[in-house]
N, C-alpha and C. Protein backbone atom coordinates (compact mmCIF):
# COMPACT_ATOMS: atom_id res chain seq x y z
N MET A 1 10.52 3.93 -17.76
CA MET A 1 11.03 3.53 -16.21
C MET A 1 12.85 3.33 -16.13
N THR A 2 13.14 3.72 -15.00
CA THR A 2 14.73 3.81 -13.89
C THR A 2 14.30 2.13 -13.00
N ILE A 3 14.76 1.25 -12.72
CA ILE A 3 14.83 1.04 -11.81
C ILE A 3 15.95 0.67 -10.45
N GLY A 4 16.80 0.41 -9.65
CA GLY A 4 17.75 0.58 -9.64
C GLY A 4 17.31 -1.03 -8.45
N LEU A 5 18.23 -1.89 -8.57
CA LEU A 5 18.34 -2.73 -7.58
C LEU A 5 19.77 -3.30 -7.21
N LEU A 6 19.52 -2.95 -5.24
CA LEU A 6 21.18 -3.09 -4.70
C LEU A 6 21.29 -4.40 -4.54
N PRO A 7 22.07 -4.82 -4.34
CA PRO A 7 21.88 -6.06 -4.10
C PRO A 7 22.45 -6.41 -2.70
N GLY A 8 22.33 -8.16 -2.31
CA GLY A 8 21.61 -8.44 -0.80
C GLY A 8 22.25 -9.61 -0.51
N ALA A 9 22.59 -10.19 0.75
CA ALA A 9 22.74 -11.97 0.56
C ALA A 9 22.02 -12.83 -0.31
N ASP A 10 23.11 -13.62 -0.25
CA ASP A 10 21.80 -14.75 -1.13
C ASP A 10 21.59 -14.31 -2.27
N ALA A 11 21.95 -13.58 -3.33
CA ALA A 11 20.96 -13.23 -4.50
C ALA A 11 20.06 -12.30 -4.16
N ASP A 12 19.73 -12.21 -2.92
CA ASP A 12 18.86 -11.45 -2.75
C ASP A 12 18.45 -9.83 -3.05
N VAL A 13 17.03 -9.47 -2.98
CA VAL A 13 17.62 -7.88 -3.44
C VAL A 13 17.90 -6.94 -2.13
N SER A 14 18.43 -5.70 -1.32
CA SER A 14 18.60 -5.95 -0.37
C SER A 14 18.07 -4.32 -0.50
N GLY A 15 16.91 -4.06 -1.78
CA GLY A 15 16.80 -2.64 -2.23
C GLY A 15 16.44 -2.53 -3.37
N CYS A 16 15.73 -1.36 -3.28
CA CYS A 16 15.33 -1.25 -4.64
C CYS A 16 14.58 0.58 -5.14
N LEU A 17 15.34 0.72 -5.81
CA LEU A 17 15.07 1.98 -6.24
C LEU A 17 14.12 2.49 -8.00
N PHE A 18 12.74 2.99 -7.79
CA PHE A 18 12.17 3.28 -8.62
C PHE A 18 12.13 3.98 -9.09
N THR A 19 12.13 5.49 -10.03
CA THR A 19 11.29 6.48 -10.79
C THR A 19 11.18 6.69 -12.21
N LYS A 20 9.96 7.00 -11.92
CA LYS A 20 9.92 7.80 -13.66
C LYS A 20 9.78 9.07 -13.76
N VAL A 21 9.90 9.82 -14.41
CA VAL A 21 9.43 11.40 -15.25
C VAL A 21 8.59 12.13 -14.56
N ASP A 22 7.57 11.77 -14.71
CA ASP A 22 6.93 12.38 -13.76
C ASP A 22 6.54 12.53 -12.35
N GLU A 23 7.17 12.13 -11.78
CA GLU A 23 7.14 11.71 -9.82
C GLU A 23 8.25 12.40 -9.41
N LYS A 24 7.68 13.28 -8.18
CA LYS A 24 8.87 13.69 -7.07
C LYS A 24 8.77 13.45 -5.76
N PRO A 25 9.74 13.69 -5.13
CA PRO A 25 9.44 13.86 -3.84
C PRO A 25 8.27 13.92 -2.92
N SER A 26 7.77 12.96 -2.09
CA SER A 26 6.48 12.93 -1.35
C SER A 26 5.81 12.51 -2.18
N ALA A 27 4.21 11.50 -1.40
CA ALA A 27 3.21 11.42 -1.72
C ALA A 27 3.34 10.97 -3.36
N SER A 28 4.01 12.37 -4.54
CA SER A 28 3.61 11.36 -5.62
C SER A 28 4.89 11.53 -6.31
N GLY A 29 5.90 11.17 -5.30
CA GLY A 29 7.09 11.48 -5.75
C GLY A 29 8.24 9.24 -6.49
N LEU A 30 8.79 9.18 -5.81
CA LEU A 30 10.31 8.42 -5.79
C LEU A 30 9.10 7.31 -5.01
N LEU A 31 9.28 5.83 -5.31
CA LEU A 31 8.33 4.90 -4.74
C LEU A 31 8.88 4.17 -3.86
N ILE A 32 9.42 3.48 -2.71
CA ILE A 32 11.14 2.96 -1.83
C ILE A 32 9.84 2.00 -1.92
N TYR A 33 10.70 0.41 -2.16
CA TYR A 33 10.02 -0.84 -1.46
C TYR A 33 11.03 -1.34 -1.10
N LEU A 34 9.70 -1.52 0.27
CA LEU A 34 10.38 -2.09 1.45
C LEU A 34 9.83 -3.78 2.08
N ASN A 35 10.85 -4.54 2.46
CA ASN A 35 10.38 -6.04 2.53
C ASN A 35 9.23 -6.21 3.29
N ALA A 36 8.04 -7.00 3.56
CA ALA A 36 7.97 -7.18 4.63
C ALA A 36 7.06 -8.52 4.06
N GLU A 37 8.52 -9.17 3.80
CA GLU A 37 8.40 -11.33 3.21
C GLU A 37 7.50 -11.92 4.45
N GLY A 38 6.71 -12.29 4.48
CA GLY A 38 6.08 -13.39 5.33
C GLY A 38 4.97 -12.96 6.19
N ARG A 39 4.69 -11.21 5.74
CA ARG A 39 4.32 -10.50 6.83
C ARG A 39 3.81 -9.38 6.16
N LEU A 40 3.10 -9.41 4.66
CA LEU A 40 2.27 -8.45 3.98
C LEU A 40 1.11 -7.88 4.47
N ASP A 41 0.01 -9.21 4.84
CA ASP A 41 -1.25 -8.62 5.31
C ASP A 41 -0.68 -7.62 7.09
N GLU A 42 -0.01 -9.02 7.22
CA GLU A 42 -0.74 -8.25 9.12
C GLU A 42 0.78 -6.53 8.80
N ALA A 43 1.86 -6.15 7.88
CA ALA A 43 2.09 -4.98 7.40
C ALA A 43 1.02 -4.10 7.84
N VAL A 44 0.48 -4.35 6.17
CA VAL A 44 -0.64 -3.08 5.09
C VAL A 44 -1.78 -4.34 6.92
N ALA A 45 -1.99 -4.50 7.45
CA ALA A 45 -3.42 -4.19 8.68
C ALA A 45 -2.21 -2.59 9.57
N ALA A 46 -1.10 -3.54 9.89
CA ALA A 46 -0.94 -1.65 11.23
C ALA A 46 -0.47 -0.55 10.23
N VAL A 47 -1.30 -0.11 9.15
CA VAL A 47 -0.49 1.01 8.54
C VAL A 47 -1.82 2.50 9.19
N GLU A 48 -2.63 1.83 8.99
CA GLU A 48 -3.48 3.28 9.58
C GLU A 48 -3.55 3.58 10.94
N SER A 49 -3.55 2.42 12.23
CA SER A 49 -3.10 2.36 13.43
C SER A 49 -1.79 2.89 14.06
N ASN A 50 -1.21 3.83 12.47
CA ASN A 50 -0.21 3.75 13.24
C ASN A 50 -0.11 5.65 12.13
N GLY A 51 -1.24 5.43 12.21
CA GLY A 51 -0.74 6.95 11.63
C GLY A 51 -0.84 7.13 10.22
N GLY A 52 -0.35 6.12 9.48
CA GLY A 52 -0.72 5.96 7.87
C GLY A 52 -2.05 5.62 6.98
N LYS A 53 -2.26 5.69 5.76
CA LYS A 53 -2.97 5.02 4.84
C LYS A 53 -2.76 4.39 3.88
N VAL A 54 -3.43 3.16 3.20
CA VAL A 54 -3.56 2.12 2.61
C VAL A 54 -4.12 2.80 1.25
N LEU A 55 -3.22 2.93 0.06
CA LEU A 55 -3.58 3.65 -1.58
C LEU A 55 -3.91 2.54 -2.11
N LEU A 56 -3.53 1.29 -2.12
CA LEU A 56 -3.90 0.38 -2.92
C LEU A 56 -3.24 -0.63 -1.88
N PRO A 57 -4.27 -2.16 -2.08
CA PRO A 57 -4.33 -2.67 -1.20
C PRO A 57 -3.32 -3.54 -1.84
N ALA A 58 -2.37 -5.13 -0.56
CA ALA A 58 -2.12 -5.95 -1.71
C ALA A 58 -2.45 -6.81 -2.98
N HIS A 59 -1.57 -6.89 -4.08
CA HIS A 59 -1.77 -7.13 -5.11
C HIS A 59 -0.80 -7.65 -6.10
N PRO A 60 -1.10 -8.69 -7.20
CA PRO A 60 -0.21 -9.12 -7.49
C PRO A 60 1.03 -8.16 -8.41
N ILE A 61 2.74 -8.20 -8.29
CA ILE A 61 2.87 -7.65 -9.78
C ILE A 61 3.92 -8.79 -10.41
N GLY A 62 3.08 -9.89 -11.03
CA GLY A 62 3.46 -10.64 -11.60
C GLY A 62 4.45 -11.23 -11.47
N PRO A 63 5.44 -11.69 -12.24
CA PRO A 63 6.13 -12.80 -11.45
C PRO A 63 7.56 -11.75 -9.78
N HIS A 64 7.55 -11.12 -9.81
CA HIS A 64 7.88 -10.26 -9.14
C HIS A 64 6.98 -10.16 -7.37
N GLY A 65 5.86 -10.86 -7.59
CA GLY A 65 5.33 -11.36 -5.96
C GLY A 65 3.76 -10.31 -5.52
N PHE A 66 3.89 -10.37 -4.70
CA PHE A 66 2.66 -9.11 -4.29
C PHE A 66 3.73 -7.72 -3.32
N ARG A 67 1.99 -6.55 -3.82
CA ARG A 67 3.08 -5.14 -2.91
C ARG A 67 1.42 -4.53 -2.64
N ALA A 68 2.05 -4.04 -1.63
CA ALA A 68 1.00 -3.18 -1.60
C ALA A 68 1.46 -1.35 -1.54
N VAL A 69 0.31 -0.25 -1.58
CA VAL A 69 1.36 0.89 -2.09
C VAL A 69 0.44 1.76 -0.14
N ILE A 70 0.82 2.56 0.28
CA ILE A 70 0.45 3.12 1.04
C ILE A 70 0.62 3.95 1.53
N LEU A 71 0.72 5.20 1.96
CA LEU A 71 1.51 6.18 2.50
C LEU A 71 1.39 6.71 4.10
N ASP A 72 2.74 6.49 4.37
CA ASP A 72 3.33 6.45 5.75
C ASP A 72 2.63 7.85 6.47
N SER A 73 2.93 7.91 7.83
CA SER A 73 2.26 8.70 8.73
C SER A 73 3.67 10.08 8.61
N GLU A 74 4.31 10.37 7.51
CA GLU A 74 4.89 11.78 7.45
C GLU A 74 4.50 11.77 5.82
N GLY A 75 3.63 11.06 4.81
CA GLY A 75 2.76 11.55 3.94
C GLY A 75 3.91 10.98 2.31
N ASN A 76 4.41 10.25 3.40
CA ASN A 76 5.68 9.38 1.56
C ASN A 76 4.94 8.19 1.49
N ARG A 77 4.83 7.70 -0.23
CA ARG A 77 4.40 6.65 -0.21
C ARG A 77 5.05 5.66 -0.68
N LEU A 78 4.63 4.51 -0.11
CA LEU A 78 6.08 3.47 0.02
C LEU A 78 5.18 2.22 -0.35
N ALA A 79 6.05 1.37 -1.50
CA ALA A 79 5.24 -0.44 -1.84
C ALA A 79 5.94 -1.06 -0.57
N LEU A 80 5.06 -1.55 0.37
CA LEU A 80 5.36 -3.29 1.20
C LEU A 80 5.60 -4.50 0.14
N HIS A 81 6.28 -4.86 0.53
CA HIS A 81 6.45 -5.91 -0.97
C HIS A 81 6.94 -7.39 -0.81
N SER A 82 6.46 -8.18 -0.82
CA SER A 82 6.47 -9.59 -1.28
C SER A 82 6.43 -10.92 -1.66
N ARG A 83 7.34 -11.90 -1.27
CA ARG A 83 7.35 -12.52 -3.33
C ARG A 83 6.25 -13.30 -2.55
């Protein structure tokens, strides 16, 4: 697995790119992480009313916090992340 972290202010990560050999752009492709710090539950609750689908509800990802995986209204798979 390859992960690219894009640095942000105050040693935070402003972006993270994650790819695996068997993934392609689309619902089964690159997984983009979006910062939902402090509002993960609210963001997940808004997915379906905005035309998306929750693929994996919020769940822990070890020492990296929590994430939910969604399909946006255009069919792109995204991860919503919070510590």
